[in-house]
Amino acid sequence: MATQQEIRNKLGVAIQVGDVITLEDAKIIWPNFSGAKDMYNAEGDRNFNIHLTKKQADELAADGWNVKCKPARPEDEDGEERCVLKVSVKFEFKPPKIVMRGNLTRNETKLHEGIAGLMDDAEILTVDLSFVPYFWELKNGNIGVTAYLKTLYCIVGEDELDQKWNQEEA
């Protein structure tokens, strides 16, 4: 089997093995940190998509990332193409660091594999994240690159009951 560097060279992309890409104030869409099976996702496949600006999409695509863009829909306020990058979340070898903080209580929760699914239903207000490339090759000869989550910090919405009960626990 080919090494990461050999696959990268075959792809001829600007992304380097070991690159870390950081996006601040990112917007997560279609979160599936739990790996639940649905019509777009196989059982156990933990991932999410990052909504990208046109500029971000162009820059990442030029470097070789697998950015997907679709024409704007009528409800899109800016009228720009809808561009996304799928990011995989894997805990097997080097787990990502995922930290969720409440917007009112500022309580911080470090998420591990068993509770990462809390992100699926959270009201995510702000996200800063970093990801790394993983170059892959299938037995049929297909090659590509996948974004793997490295670090994610987010602020999630809380209501007055969250605030009340967190204060009583302190």
C-alpha atoms as a PDB file:
ATOM      1  CA  MET A   1       0.000   0.000   0.000  1.00  0.00           C
ATOM      2  CA  ALA A   2       1.235   3.492  -0.871  1.00  0.00           C
ATOM      3  CA  THR A   3       2.296   5.988   1.791  1.00  0.00           C
ATOM      4  CA  GLN A   4       0.463   9.249   2.455  1.00  0.00           C
ATOM      5  CA  GLN A   5       3.194  11.163   0.618  1.00  0.00           C
ATOM      6  CA  GLU A   6       3.060   8.837  -2.415  1.00  0.00           C
ATOM      7  CA  ILE A   7      -0.714   9.243  -2.696  1.00  0.00           C
ATOM      8  CA  ARG A   8      -0.381  13.017  -2.295  1.00  0.00           C
ATOM      9  CA  ASN A   9       2.191  13.067  -5.092  1.00  0.00           C
ATOM     10  CA  LYS A  10      -0.132  11.027  -7.357  1.00  0.00           C
ATOM     11  CA  LEU A  11      -2.943  13.503  -6.700  1.00  0.00           C
ATOM     12  CA  GLY A  12      -0.653  16.422  -7.532  1.00  0.00           C
ATOM     13  CA  VAL A  13      -2.258  18.720  -4.956  1.00  0.00           C
ATOM     14  CA  ALA A  14      -0.842  21.644  -2.966  1.00  0.00           C
ATOM     15  CA  ILE A  15      -1.971  20.137   0.352  1.00  0.00           C
ATOM     16  CA  GLN A  16       0.963  18.673   2.242  1.00  0.00           C
ATOM     17  CA  VAL A  17       1.002  15.681   4.576  1.00  0.00           C
ATOM     18  CA  GLY A  18       0.798  17.195   8.074  1.00  0.00           C
ATOM     19  CA  ASP A  19      -0.836  20.480   7.020  1.00  0.00           C
ATOM     20  CA  VAL A  20      -3.234  21.910   9.601  1.00  0.00           C
ATOM     21  CA  ILE A  21      -6.037  24.130   8.299  1.00  0.00           C
ATOM     22  CA  THR A  22      -7.754  26.393  10.843  1.00  0.00           C
ATOM     23  CA  LEU A  23     -11.102  28.100  10.296  1.00  0.00           C
ATOM     24  CA  GLU A  24     -12.516  30.563  12.817  1.00  0.00           C
ATOM     25  CA  ASP A  25     -16.189  31.506  13.078  1.00  0.00           C
ATOM     26  CA  ALA A  26     -17.035  28.523  10.896  1.00  0.00           C
ATOM     27  CA  LYS A  27     -20.590  27.367  10.304  1.00  0.00           C
ATOM     28  CA  ILE A  28     -21.285  23.660  10.796  1.00  0.00           C
ATOM     29  CA  ILE A  29     -24.125  22.124   8.815  1.00  0.00           C
ATOM     30  CA  TRP A  30     -25.473  18.569   8.765  1.00  0.00           C
ATOM     31  CA  PRO A  31     -23.682  17.448  11.932  1.00  0.00           C
ATOM     32  CA  ASN A  32     -23.463  13.705  12.508  1.00  0.00           C
ATOM     33  CA  PHE A  33     -20.963  13.360  15.349  1.00  0.00           C
ATOM     34  CA  SER A  34     -22.893  10.308  16.597  1.00  0.00           C
ATOM     35  CA  GLY A  35     -22.397   8.396  13.340  1.00  0.00           C
ATOM     36  CA  ALA A  36     -26.113   7.689  12.997  1.00  0.00           C
ATOM     37  CA  LYS A  37     -27.256   6.030   9.791  1.00  0.00           C
ATOM     38  CA  ASP A  38     -29.444   8.150   7.537  1.00  0.00           C
ATOM     39  CA  MET A  39     -30.070   8.539   3.823  1.00  0.00           C
ATOM     40  CA  TYR A  40     -26.742  10.374   3.349  1.00  0.00           C
ATOM     41  CA  ASN A  41     -24.632   8.559   5.939  1.00  0.00           C
ATOM     42  CA  ALA A  42     -23.530   4.982   6.653  1.00  0.00           C
ATOM     43  CA  GLU A  43     -23.828   3.662  10.215  1.00  0.00           C
ATOM     44  CA  GLY A  44     -20.793   4.706  12.255  1.00  0.00           C
ATOM     45  CA  ASP A  45     -19.586   7.371   9.793  1.00  0.00           C
ATOM     46  CA  ARG A  46     -19.099  10.430  12.024  1.00  0.00           C
ATOM     47  CA  ASN A  47     -18.821  13.689  10.107  1.00  0.00           C
ATOM     48  CA  PHE A  48     -20.138  17.181   9.504  1.00  0.00           C
ATOM     49  CA  ASN A  49     -19.928  19.779   6.771  1.00  0.00           C
ATOM     50  CA  ILE A  50     -18.501  23.261   6.976  1.00  0.00           C
ATOM     51  CA  HIS A  51     -20.382  25.958   5.081  1.00  0.00           C
ATOM     52  CA  LEU A  52     -17.712  27.936   3.231  1.00  0.00           C
ATOM     53  CA  THR A  53     -17.651  31.398   1.777  1.00  0.00           C
ATOM     54  CA  LYS A  54     -16.940  31.511  -1.948  1.00  0.00           C
ATOM     55  CA  LYS A  55     -13.434  32.796  -1.191  1.00  0.00           C
ATOM     56  CA  GLN A  56     -12.735  29.972   1.296  1.00  0.00           C
ATOM     57  CA  ALA A  57     -14.143  27.410  -1.149  1.00  0.00           C
ATOM     58  CA  ASP A  58     -11.969  28.680  -3.997  1.00  0.00           C
ATOM     59  CA  GLU A  59      -8.817  28.682  -1.840  1.00  0.00           C
ATOM     60  CA  LEU A  60      -9.392  25.208  -0.396  1.00  0.00           C
ATOM     61  CA  ALA A  61     -10.370  23.731  -3.779  1.00  0.00           C
ATOM     62  CA  ALA A  62      -7.257  25.256  -5.394  1.00  0.00           C
ATOM     63  CA  ASP A  63      -5.150  23.459  -2.777  1.00  0.00           C
ATOM     64  CA  GLY A  64      -6.845  20.139  -3.596  1.00  0.00           C
ATOM     65  CA  TRP A  65      -9.538  19.791  -0.919  1.00  0.00           C
ATOM     66  CA  ASN A  66     -12.778  18.091  -1.987  1.00  0.00           C
ATOM     67  CA  VAL A  67     -15.031  21.167  -1.868  1.00  0.00           C
ATOM     68  CA  LYS A  68     -18.580  20.807  -3.206  1.00  0.00           C
ATOM     69  CA  CYS A  69     -20.518  23.816  -4.530  1.00  0.00           C
ATOM     70  CA  LYS A  70     -24.131  24.025  -5.644  1.00  0.00           C
ATOM     71  CA  PRO A  71     -26.069  26.961  -7.081  1.00  0.00           C
ATOM     72  CA  ALA A  72     -27.694  29.329  -4.610  1.00  0.00           C
ATOM     73  CA  ARG A  73     -31.260  28.582  -3.596  1.00  0.00           C
ATOM     74  CA  PRO A  74     -33.959  31.261  -3.294  1.00  0.00           C
ATOM     75  CA  GLU A  75     -33.698  31.207   0.527  1.00  0.00           C
ATOM     76  CA  ASP A  76     -29.936  31.884   0.450  1.00  0.00           C
ATOM     77  CA  GLU A  77     -29.641  35.471   1.649  1.00  0.00           C
ATOM     78  CA  ASP A  78     -26.366  36.282  -0.091  1.00  0.00           C
ATOM     79  CA  GLY A  79     -27.285  34.698  -3.433  1.00  0.00           C
ATOM     80  CA  GLU A  80     -23.890  32.984  -3.601  1.00  0.00           C
ATOM     81  CA  GLU A  81     -23.192  29.362  -4.396  1.00  0.00           C
ATOM     82  CA  ARG A  82     -23.594  27.010  -1.435  1.00  0.00           C
ATOM     83  CA  CYS A  83     -20.136  25.524  -0.853  1.00  0.00           C
ATOM     84  CA  VAL A  84     -19.254  22.894   1.729  1.00  0.00           C
ATOM     85  CA  LEU A  85     -16.363  20.735   2.854  1.00  0.00           C
ATOM     86  CA  LYS A  86     -17.106  17.425   4.554  1.00  0.00           C
ATOM     87  CA  VAL A  87     -14.980  16.773   7.647  1.00  0.00           C
ATOM     88  CA  SER A  88     -14.644  13.268   9.102  1.00  0.00           C
ATOM     89  CA  VAL A  89     -14.530  12.678  12.853  1.00  0.00           C
ATOM     90  CA  LYS A  90     -12.500   9.608  13.834  1.00  0.00           C
ATOM     91  CA  PHE A  91     -11.624   8.465  17.345  1.00  0.00           C
ATOM     92  CA  GLU A  92      -9.709   5.262  16.546  1.00  0.00           C
ATOM     93  CA  PHE A  93      -6.079   6.422  16.365  1.00  0.00           C
ATOM     94  CA  LYS A  94      -5.619  10.054  17.431  1.00  0.00           C
ATOM     95  CA  PRO A  95      -8.953  11.346  18.721  1.00  0.00           C
ATOM     96  CA  PRO A  96      -9.871  14.943  17.973  1.00  0.00           C
ATOM     97  CA  LYS A  97     -10.163  17.487  20.764  1.00  0.00           C
ATOM     98  CA  ILE A  98     -13.786  18.669  20.901  1.00  0.00           C
ATOM     99  CA  VAL A  99     -14.761  21.287  23.478  1.00  0.00           C
ATOM    100  CA  MET A 100     -18.300  22.633  23.936  1.00  0.00           C
ATOM    101  CA  ARG A 101     -18.898  25.748  26.054  1.00  0.00           C
ATOM    102  CA  GLY A 102     -22.261  27.184  27.100  1.00  0.00           C
ATOM    103  CA  ASN A 103     -22.992  30.762  26.041  1.00  0.00           C
ATOM    104  CA  LEU A 104     -24.546  31.719  29.408  1.00  0.00           C
ATOM    105  CA  THR A 105     -22.853  29.564  32.039  1.00  0.00           C
ATOM    106  CA  ARG A 106     -19.532  29.318  30.171  1.00  0.00           C
ATOM    107  CA  ASN A 107     -19.350  25.747  31.486  1.00  0.00           C
ATOM    108  CA  GLU A 108     -17.006  23.668  29.370  1.00  0.00           C
ATOM    109  CA  THR A 109     -17.491  20.048  28.349  1.00  0.00           C
ATOM    110  CA  LYS A 110     -14.793  18.015  26.619  1.00  0.00           C
ATOM    111  CA  LEU A 111     -16.494  15.565  24.318  1.00  0.00           C
ATOM    112  CA  HIS A 112     -15.186  12.055  23.801  1.00  0.00           C
ATOM    113  CA  GLU A 113     -16.417   9.321  21.494  1.00  0.00           C
ATOM    114  CA  GLY A 114     -19.233   8.284  23.829  1.00  0.00           C
ATOM    115  CA  ILE A 115     -20.823  11.742  24.027  1.00  0.00           C
ATOM    116  CA  ALA A 116     -19.693  13.438  20.790  1.00  0.00           C
ATOM    117  CA  GLY A 117     -23.246  12.962  19.501  1.00  0.00           C
ATOM    118  CA  LEU A 118     -24.331  15.851  21.758  1.00  0.00           C
ATOM    119  CA  MET A 119     -23.107  18.103  18.937  1.00  0.00           C
ATOM    120  CA  ASP A 120     -25.815  16.738  16.615  1.00  0.00           C
ATOM    121  CA  ASP A 121     -28.644  18.514  18.441  1.00  0.00           C
ATOM    122  CA  ALA A 122     -26.761  21.438  19.982  1.00  0.00           C
ATOM    123  CA  GLU A 123     -27.583  25.017  19.058  1.00  0.00           C
ATOM    124  CA  ILE A 124     -24.109  25.819  17.764  1.00  0.00           C
ATOM    125  CA  LEU A 125     -23.485  29.571  17.879  1.00  0.00           C
ATOM    126  CA  THR A 126     -19.760  29.853  17.174  1.00  0.00           C
ATOM    127  CA  VAL A 127     -17.142  27.359  15.992  1.00  0.00           C
ATOM    128  CA  ASP A 128     -13.382  27.490  15.620  1.00  0.00           C
ATOM    129  CA  LEU A 129     -11.824  24.322  14.245  1.00  0.00           C
ATOM    130  CA  SER A 130      -8.802  22.789  12.624  1.00  0.00           C
ATOM    131  CA  PHE A 131      -8.493  19.775  10.358  1.00  0.00           C
ATOM    132  CA  VAL A 132      -5.766  17.762   8.680  1.00  0.00           C
ATOM    133  CA  PRO A 133      -5.580  15.855   5.402  1.00  0.00           C
ATOM    134  CA  TYR A 134      -5.694  12.080   5.121  1.00  0.00           C
ATOM    135  CA  PHE A 135      -4.679  10.775   1.713  1.00  0.00           C
ATOM    136  CA  TRP A 136      -6.327   7.476   0.805  1.00  0.00           C
ATOM    137  CA  GLU A 137      -6.204   4.848  -1.907  1.00  0.00           C
ATOM    138  CA  LEU A 138      -8.802   2.161  -2.560  1.00  0.00           C
ATOM    139  CA  LYS A 139      -8.060  -1.323  -3.879  1.00  0.00           C
ATOM    140  CA  ASN A 140      -9.642  -0.327  -7.202  1.00  0.00           C
ATOM    141  CA  GLY A 141      -7.001   2.401  -7.603  1.00  0.00           C
ATOM    142  CA  ASN A 142      -9.168   5.417  -6.718  1.00  0.00           C
ATOM    143  CA  ILE A 143      -7.295   8.009  -4.663  1.00  0.00           C
ATOM    144  CA  GLY A 144      -8.304  11.140  -2.795  1.00  0.00           C
ATOM    145  CA  VAL A 145      -7.995  13.272   0.291  1.00  0.00           C
ATOM    146  CA  THR A 146     -10.341  13.560   3.268  1.00  0.00           C
ATOM    147  CA  ALA A 147     -10.424  16.300   5.906  1.00  0.00           C
ATOM    148  CA  TYR A 148     -10.119  14.857   9.426  1.00  0.00           C
ATOM    149  CA  LEU A 149     -11.086  16.898  12.468  1.00  0.00           C
ATOM    150  CA  LYS A 150      -8.139  17.783  14.715  1.00  0.00           C
ATOM    151  CA  THR A 151      -9.570  20.365  17.133  1.00  0.00           C
ATOM    152  CA  LEU A 152     -12.985  21.986  17.583  1.00  0.00           C
ATOM    153  CA  TYR A 153     -14.092  24.621  20.081  1.00  0.00           C
ATOM    154  CA  CYS A 154     -17.697  25.774  20.021  1.00  0.00           C
ATOM    155  CA  ILE A 155     -20.114  27.960  21.918  1.00  0.00           C
ATOM    156  CA  VAL A 156     -23.582  26.443  22.228  1.00  0.00           C
ATOM    157  CA  GLY A 157     -26.846  28.128  23.102  1.00  0.00           C
ATOM    158  CA  GLU A 158     -28.285  27.676  26.577  1.00  0.00           C
ATOM    159  CA  ASP A 159     -31.583  28.801  28.041  1.00  0.00           C
ATOM    160  CA  GLU A 160     -32.540  30.096  31.486  1.00  0.00           C
ATOM    161  CA  LEU A 161     -33.012  26.571  32.857  1.00  0.00           C
ATOM    162  CA  ASP A 162     -29.504  25.573  31.791  1.00  0.00           C
ATOM    163  CA  GLN A 163     -28.232  28.660  33.586  1.00  0.00           C
ATOM    164  CA  LYS A 164     -30.333  28.009  36.708  1.00  0.00           C
ATOM    165  CA  TRP A 165     -29.371  24.361  37.075  1.00  0.00           C
ATOM    166  CA  ASN A 166     -25.691  24.975  36.370  1.00  0.00           C
ATOM    167  CA  GLN A 167     -25.624  27.685  39.071  1.00  0.00           C
ATOM    168  CA  GLU A 168     -27.300  25.368  41.589  1.00  0.00           C
ATOM    169  CA  GLU A 169     -24.733  22.627  40.891  1.00  0.00           C
ATOM    170  CA  ALA A 170     -21.795  24.972  41.483  1.00  0.00           C
END
